[in-house]
PDB file of all heavy atoms in Angstrom:
ATOM      1  N   GLU A   1       0.846  -1.196   0.000  1.00  0.00           N
ATOM      2  CA  GLU A   1       0.000   0.000   0.000  1.00  0.00           C
ATOM      3  C   GLU A   1       0.875   1.238   0.000  1.00  0.00           C
ATOM      4  O   GLU A   1       1.803   1.354   0.807  1.00  0.00           O
ATOM      5  CB  GLU A   1      -0.905  -0.019   1.248  1.00  0.00           C
ATOM      6  CG  GLU A   1      -1.909   1.109   1.309  1.00  0.00           C
ATOM      7  CD  GLU A   1      -2.785   1.014   2.553  1.00  0.00           C
ATOM      8  OE1 GLU A   1      -2.954  -0.099   3.084  1.00  0.00           O
ATOM      9  OE2 GLU A   1      -3.282   2.062   2.989  1.00  0.00           O
ATOM     10  N   ASN A   2       0.592   2.178  -0.919  1.00  0.00           N
ATOM     11  CA  ASN A   2       1.356   3.430  -1.034  1.00  0.00           C
ATOM     12  C   ASN A   2       2.865   3.160  -1.119  1.00  0.00           C
ATOM     13  O   ASN A   2       3.668   3.832  -0.471  1.00  0.00           O
ATOM     14  CB  ASN A   2       1.059   4.347   0.159  1.00  0.00           C
ATOM     15  CG  ASN A   2      -0.384   4.786   0.190  1.00  0.00           C
ATOM     16  OD1 ASN A   2      -1.023   4.950  -0.840  1.00  0.00           O
ATOM     17  ND2 ASN A   2      -0.924   4.965   1.394  1.00  0.00           N
ATOM     18  N   GLN A   3       3.209   2.145  -1.893  1.00  0.00           N
ATOM     19  CA  GLN A   3       4.603   1.741  -2.127  1.00  0.00           C
ATOM     20  C   GLN A   3       5.258   1.088  -0.913  1.00  0.00           C
ATOM     21  O   GLN A   3       6.416   0.670  -0.974  1.00  0.00           O
ATOM     22  CB  GLN A   3       5.460   2.927  -2.593  1.00  0.00           C
ATOM     23  CG  GLN A   3       5.026   3.484  -3.962  1.00  0.00           C
ATOM     24  CD  GLN A   3       5.966   4.566  -4.446  1.00  0.00           C
ATOM     25  OE1 GLN A   3       6.260   5.525  -3.745  1.00  0.00           O
ATOM     26  NE2 GLN A   3       6.458   4.413  -5.664  1.00  0.00           N
ATOM     27  N   ASN A   4       4.551   1.010   0.206  1.00  0.00           N
ATOM     28  CA  ASN A   4       5.063   0.287   1.372  1.00  0.00           C
ATOM     29  C   ASN A   4       4.723  -1.189   1.239  1.00  0.00           C
ATOM     30  O   ASN A   4       3.655  -1.548   0.739  1.00  0.00           O
ATOM     31  CB  ASN A   4       4.445   0.817   2.665  1.00  0.00           C
ATOM     32  CG  ASN A   4       4.905   2.231   2.995  1.00  0.00           C
ATOM     33  OD1 ASN A   4       6.055   2.590   2.736  1.00  0.00           O
ATOM     34  ND2 ASN A   4       4.020   3.032   3.546  1.00  0.00           N
ATOM     35  N   VAL A   5       5.625  -2.041   1.697  1.00  0.00           N
ATOM     36  CA  VAL A   5       5.380  -3.479   1.707  1.00  0.00           C
ATOM     37  C   VAL A   5       5.177  -3.890   3.162  1.00  0.00           C
ATOM     38  O   VAL A   5       6.010  -3.592   4.025  1.00  0.00           O
ATOM     39  CB  VAL A   5       6.566  -4.258   1.098  1.00  0.00           C
ATOM     40  CG1 VAL A   5       6.304  -5.760   1.155  1.00  0.00           C
ATOM     41  CG2 VAL A   5       6.809  -3.813  -0.341  1.00  0.00           C
ATOM     42  N   TYR A   6       4.040  -4.560   3.439  1.00  0.00           N
ATOM     43  CA  TYR A   6       3.725  -4.978   4.805  1.00  0.00           C
ATOM     44  C   TYR A   6       3.978  -6.475   4.939  1.00  0.00           C
ATOM     45  O   TYR A   6       3.476  -7.277   4.148  1.00  0.00           O
ATOM     46  CB  TYR A   6       2.279  -4.632   5.146  1.00  0.00           C
ATOM     47  CG  TYR A   6       2.048  -3.133   5.190  1.00  0.00           C
ATOM     48  CD1 TYR A   6       1.723  -2.423   4.030  1.00  0.00           C
ATOM     49  CD2 TYR A   6       2.197  -2.428   6.376  1.00  0.00           C
ATOM     50  CE1 TYR A   6       1.540  -1.040   4.061  1.00  0.00           C
ATOM     51  CE2 TYR A   6       2.014  -1.043   6.413  1.00  0.00           C
ATOM     52  CZ  TYR A   6       1.681  -0.365   5.255  1.00  0.00           C
ATOM     53  OH  TYR A   6       1.502   0.995   5.297  1.00  0.00           O
ATOM     54  N   ILE A   7       4.779  -6.825   5.951  1.00  0.00           N
ATOM     55  CA  ILE A   7       5.259  -8.192   6.106  1.00  0.00           C
ATOM     56  C   ILE A   7       4.768  -8.766   7.431  1.00  0.00           C
ATOM     57  O   ILE A   7       4.954  -8.163   8.502  1.00  0.00           O
ATOM     58  CB  ILE A   7       6.795  -8.229   6.048  1.00  0.00           C
ATOM     59  CG1 ILE A   7       7.277  -7.620   4.727  1.00  0.00           C
ATOM     60  CG2 ILE A   7       7.320  -9.653   6.195  1.00  0.00           C
ATOM     61  CD1 ILE A   7       8.750  -7.292   4.700  1.00  0.00           C
ATOM     62  N   ASP A   8       4.144  -9.915   7.367  1.00  0.00           N
ATOM     63  CA  ASP A   8       3.621 -10.589   8.557  1.00  0.00           C
ATOM     64  C   ASP A   8       4.765 -11.322   9.263  1.00  0.00           C
ATOM     65  O   ASP A   8       5.373 -12.224   8.698  1.00  0.00           O
ATOM     66  CB  ASP A   8       2.525 -11.574   8.141  1.00  0.00           C
ATOM     67  CG  ASP A   8       1.903 -12.286   9.331  1.00  0.00           C
ATOM     68  OD1 ASP A   8       2.178 -11.884  10.474  1.00  0.00           O
ATOM     69  OD2 ASP A   8       1.142 -13.254   9.114  1.00  0.00           O
ATOM     70  N   LEU A   9       5.023 -10.924  10.526  1.00  0.00           N
ATOM     71  CA  LEU A   9       6.071 -11.574  11.311  1.00  0.00           C
ATOM     72  C   LEU A   9       5.491 -12.470  12.402  1.00  0.00           C
ATOM     73  O   LEU A   9       6.188 -12.867  13.329  1.00  0.00           O
ATOM     74  CB  LEU A   9       6.992 -10.522  11.951  1.00  0.00           C
ATOM     75  CG  LEU A   9       7.754  -9.606  10.998  1.00  0.00           C
ATOM     76  CD1 LEU A   9       8.615  -8.627  11.787  1.00  0.00           C
ATOM     77  CD2 LEU A   9       8.613 -10.403  10.034  1.00  0.00           C
ATOM     78  N   GLY A  10       4.204 -12.772  12.294  1.00  0.00           N
ATOM     79  CA  GLY A  10       3.557 -13.596  13.310  1.00  0.00           C
ATOM     80  C   GLY A  10       2.506 -12.788  14.038  1.00  0.00           C
ATOM     81  O   GLY A  10       1.387 -12.642  13.574  1.00  0.00           O
ATOM     82  N   LYS A  11       2.879 -12.206  15.192  1.00  0.00           N
ATOM     83  CA  LYS A  11       1.930 -11.414  15.980  1.00  0.00           C
ATOM     84  C   LYS A  11       2.019  -9.925  15.673  1.00  0.00           C
ATOM     85  O   LYS A  11       1.348  -9.117  16.305  1.00  0.00           O
ATOM     86  CB  LYS A  11       2.169 -11.635  17.475  1.00  0.00           C
ATOM     87  CG  LYS A  11       1.786 -13.031  17.946  1.00  0.00           C
ATOM     88  CD  LYS A  11       1.894 -13.133  19.461  1.00  0.00           C
ATOM     89  CE  LYS A  11       1.420 -14.486  19.947  1.00  0.00           C
ATOM     90  NZ  LYS A  11       1.489 -14.595  21.420  1.00  0.00           N
ATOM     91  N   VAL A  12       2.844  -9.571  14.708  1.00  0.00           N
ATOM     92  CA  VAL A  12       3.022  -8.157  14.389  1.00  0.00           C
ATOM     93  C   VAL A  12       3.344  -8.016  12.902  1.00  0.00           C
ATOM     94  O   VAL A  12       3.783  -8.967  12.259  1.00  0.00           O
ATOM     95  CB  VAL A  12       4.157  -7.547  15.260  1.00  0.00           C
ATOM     96  CG1 VAL A  12       5.503  -8.093  14.840  1.00  0.00           C
ATOM     97  CG2 VAL A  12       4.149  -6.032  15.216  1.00  0.00           C
ATOM     98  N   GLU A  13       3.088  -6.816  12.399  1.00  0.00           N
ATOM     99  CA  GLU A  13       3.323  -6.527  10.985  1.00  0.00           C
ATOM    100  C   GLU A  13       4.522  -5.593  10.863  1.00  0.00           C
ATOM    101  O   GLU A  13       4.630  -4.606  11.589  1.00  0.00           O
ATOM    102  CB  GLU A  13       2.066  -5.851  10.420  1.00  0.00           C
ATOM    103  CG  GLU A  13       1.979  -5.846   8.918  1.00  0.00           C
ATOM    104  CD  GLU A  13       0.637  -5.283   8.459  1.00  0.00           C
ATOM    105  OE1 GLU A  13       0.340  -4.113   8.772  1.00  0.00           O
ATOM    106  OE2 GLU A  13      -0.105  -6.009   7.805  1.00  0.00           O
ATOM    107  N   ALA A  14       5.441  -5.914   9.967  1.00  0.00           N
ATOM    108  CA  ALA A  14       6.601  -5.063   9.718  1.00  0.00           C
ATOM    109  C   ALA A  14       6.362  -4.237   8.462  1.00  0.00           C
ATOM    110  O   ALA A  14       5.616  -4.653   7.566  1.00  0.00           O
ATOM    111  CB  ALA A  14       7.860  -5.911   9.552  1.00  0.00           C
ATOM    112  N   VAL A  15       6.997  -3.060   8.415  1.00  0.00           N
ATOM    113  CA  VAL A  15       6.832  -2.155   7.280  1.00  0.00           C
ATOM    114  C   VAL A  15       8.158  -1.984   6.559  1.00  0.00           C
ATOM    115  O   VAL A  15       9.169  -1.613   7.170  1.00  0.00           O
ATOM    116  CB  VAL A  15       6.309  -0.776   7.729  1.00  0.00           C
ATOM    117  CG1 VAL A  15       6.071   0.120   6.518  1.00  0.00           C
ATOM    118  CG2 VAL A  15       5.041  -0.911   8.550  1.00  0.00           C
ATOM    119  N   LEU A  16       8.138  -2.264   5.257  1.00  0.00           N
ATOM    120  CA  LEU A  16       9.300  -2.053   4.393  1.00  0.00           C
ATOM    121  C   LEU A  16       8.986  -0.849   3.513  1.00  0.00           C
ATOM    122  O   LEU A  16       8.207  -0.937   2.566  1.00  0.00           O
ATOM    123  CB  LEU A  16       9.563  -3.302   3.558  1.00  0.00           C
ATOM    124  CG  LEU A  16      10.765  -3.274   2.602  1.00  0.00           C
ATOM    125  CD1 LEU A  16      12.069  -3.186   3.374  1.00  0.00           C
ATOM    126  CD2 LEU A  16      10.766  -4.506   1.699  1.00  0.00           C
ATOM    127  N   THR A  17       9.575   0.308   3.856  1.00  0.00           N
ATOM    128  CA  THR A  17       9.285   1.545   3.132  1.00  0.00           C
ATOM    129  C   THR A  17      10.069   1.581   1.818  1.00  0.00           C
ATOM    130  O   THR A  17      11.054   0.854   1.658  1.00  0.00           O
ATOM    131  CB  THR A  17       9.647   2.769   3.980  1.00  0.00           C
ATOM    132  OG1 THR A  17      11.047   2.745   4.252  1.00  0.00           O
ATOM    133  CG2 THR A  17       8.878   2.770   5.305  1.00  0.00           C
ATOM    134  N   PRO A  18       9.667   2.446   0.873  1.00  0.00           N
ATOM    135  CA  PRO A  18      10.370   2.521  -0.419  1.00  0.00           C
ATOM    136  C   PRO A  18      11.870   2.760  -0.282  1.00  0.00           C
ATOM    137  O   PRO A  18      12.663   2.206  -1.039  1.00  0.00           O
ATOM    138  CB  PRO A  18       9.671   3.690  -1.122  1.00  0.00           C
ATOM    139  CG  PRO A  18       8.302   3.717  -0.534  1.00  0.00           C
ATOM    140  CD  PRO A  18       8.474   3.308   0.896  1.00  0.00           C
ATOM    141  N   ASN A  19      12.280   3.596   0.698  1.00  0.00           N
ATOM    142  CA  ASN A  19      13.702   3.901   0.877  1.00  0.00           C
ATOM    143  C   ASN A  19      14.520   2.686   1.314  1.00  0.00           C
ATOM    144  O   ASN A  19      15.741   2.659   1.140  1.00  0.00           O
ATOM    145  CB  ASN A  19      13.884   5.014   1.918  1.00  0.00           C
ATOM    146  CG  ASN A  19      13.424   6.357   1.401  1.00  0.00           C
ATOM    147  OD1 ASN A  19      13.313   6.559   0.189  1.00  0.00           O
ATOM    148  ND2 ASN A  19      13.140   7.276   2.308  1.00  0.00           N
ATOM    149  N   GLU A  20      13.846   1.698   1.885  1.00  0.00           N
ATOM    150  CA  GLU A  20      14.546   0.507   2.373  1.00  0.00           C
ATOM    151  C   GLU A  20      14.394  -0.682   1.422  1.00  0.00           C
ATOM    152  O   GLU A  20      14.824  -1.790   1.744  1.00  0.00           O
ATOM    153  CB  GLU A  20      14.026   0.131   3.771  1.00  0.00           C
ATOM    154  CG  GLU A  20      14.208   1.199   4.829  1.00  0.00           C
ATOM    155  CD  GLU A  20      15.667   1.500   5.132  1.00  0.00           C
ATOM    156  OE1 GLU A  20      16.525   0.648   4.818  1.00  0.00           O
ATOM    157  OE2 GLU A  20      15.960   2.585   5.665  1.00  0.00           O
ATOM    158  N   GLN A  21      13.778  -0.453   0.276  1.00  0.00           N
ATOM    159  CA  GLN A  21      13.590  -1.523  -0.701  1.00  0.00           C
ATOM    160  C   GLN A  21      14.744  -1.530  -1.701  1.00  0.00           C
ATOM    161  O   GLN A  21      15.251  -0.475  -2.092  1.00  0.00           O
ATOM    162  CB  GLN A  21      12.260  -1.333  -1.440  1.00  0.00           C
ATOM    163  CG  GLN A  21      11.045  -1.454  -0.531  1.00  0.00           C
ATOM    164  CD  GLN A  21       9.756  -1.021  -1.207  1.00  0.00           C
ATOM    165  OE1 GLN A  21       9.670  -0.964  -2.436  1.00  0.00           O
ATOM    166  NE2 GLN A  21       8.734  -0.711  -0.416  1.00  0.00           N
ATOM    167  N   ILE A  22      15.139  -2.729  -2.138  1.00  0.00           N
ATOM    168  CA  ILE A  22      16.185  -2.849  -3.139  1.00  0.00           C
ATOM    169  C   ILE A  22      15.637  -2.356  -4.478  1.00  0.00           C
ATOM    170  O   ILE A  22      14.565  -2.791  -4.912  1.00  0.00           O
ATOM    171  CB  ILE A  22      16.648  -4.312  -3.267  1.00  0.00           C
ATOM    172  CG1 ILE A  22      17.337  -4.750  -1.974  1.00  0.00           C
ATOM    173  CG2 ILE A  22      17.586  -4.481  -4.458  1.00  0.00           C
ATOM    174  CD1 ILE A  22      17.759  -6.207  -1.955  1.00  0.00           C
ATOM    175  N   PRO A  23      16.318  -1.421  -5.137  1.00  0.00           N
ATOM    176  CA  PRO A  23      15.838  -0.902  -6.428  1.00  0.00           C
ATOM    177  C   PRO A  23      15.575  -2.031  -7.424  1.00  0.00           C
ATOM    178  O   PRO A  23      16.422  -2.905  -7.626  1.00  0.00           O
ATOM    179  CB  PRO A  23      16.998  -0.009  -6.902  1.00  0.00           C
ATOM    180  CG  PRO A  23      17.692   0.400  -5.651  1.00  0.00           C
ATOM    181  CD  PRO A  23      17.588  -0.779  -4.733  1.00  0.00           C
ATOM    182  N   GLY A  24      14.388  -1.994  -8.011  1.00  0.00           N
ATOM    183  CA  GLY A  24      14.040  -2.978  -9.028  1.00  0.00           C
ATOM    184  C   GLY A  24      13.558  -4.306  -8.486  1.00  0.00           C
ATOM    185  O   GLY A  24      13.122  -5.178  -9.259  1.00  0.00           O
ATOM    186  N   GLU A  25      13.612  -4.503  -7.169  1.00  0.00           N
ATOM    187  CA  GLU A  25      13.170  -5.785  -6.601  1.00  0.00           C
ATOM    188  C   GLU A  25      11.645  -5.867  -6.645  1.00  0.00           C
ATOM    189  O   GLU A  25      10.942  -4.916  -6.308  1.00  0.00           O
ATOM    190  CB  GLU A  25      13.663  -5.923  -5.158  1.00  0.00           C
ATOM    191  CG  GLU A  25      13.447  -7.307  -4.588  1.00  0.00           C
ATOM    192  CD  GLU A  25      14.185  -7.513  -3.266  1.00  0.00           C
ATOM    193  OE1 GLU A  25      14.051  -6.651  -2.373  1.00  0.00           O
ATOM    194  OE2 GLU A  25      14.897  -8.525  -3.138  1.00  0.00           O
ATOM    195  N   ILE A  26      11.143  -7.011  -7.063  1.00  0.00           N
ATOM    196  CA  ILE A  26       9.690  -7.228  -7.182  1.00  0.00           C
ATOM    197  C   ILE A  26       9.217  -8.058  -6.000  1.00  0.00           C
ATOM    198  O   ILE A  26       9.814  -9.092  -5.669  1.00  0.00           O
ATOM    199  CB  ILE A  26       9.348  -7.931  -8.509  1.00  0.00           C
ATOM    200  CG1 ILE A  26       9.771  -7.056  -9.692  1.00  0.00           C
ATOM    201  CG2 ILE A  26       7.858  -8.248  -8.579  1.00  0.00           C
ATOM    202  CD1 ILE A  26       9.635  -7.735 -11.040  1.00  0.00           C
ATOM    203  N   TYR A  27       8.150  -7.606  -5.346  1.00  0.00           N
ATOM    204  CA  TYR A  27       7.620  -8.293  -4.168  1.00  0.00           C
ATOM    205  C   TYR A  27       6.284  -8.949  -4.514  1.00  0.00           C
ATOM    206  O   TYR A  27       5.402  -8.309  -5.084  1.00  0.00           O
ATOM    207  CB  TYR A  27       7.465  -7.298  -3.012  1.00  0.00           C
ATOM    208  CG  TYR A  27       8.764  -6.597  -2.682  1.00  0.00           C
ATOM    209  CD1 TYR A  27       8.992  -5.272  -3.074  1.00  0.00           C
ATOM    210  CD2 TYR A  27       9.783  -7.264  -2.023  1.00  0.00           C
ATOM    211  CE1 TYR A  27      10.192  -4.634  -2.793  1.00  0.00           C
ATOM    212  CE2 TYR A  27      10.997  -6.631  -1.742  1.00  0.00           C
ATOM    213  CZ  TYR A  27      11.187  -5.318  -2.126  1.00  0.00           C
ATOM    214  OH  TYR A  27      12.377  -4.700  -1.852  1.00  0.00           O
TER     215      TYR A  27
END
């Protein structure tokens, strides 16, 4: 959502923002 990638870690959700994403990597 809004270029953020939300990752399920079990009991909590982690946020991978655009600045922390590898350029060109497809999720």
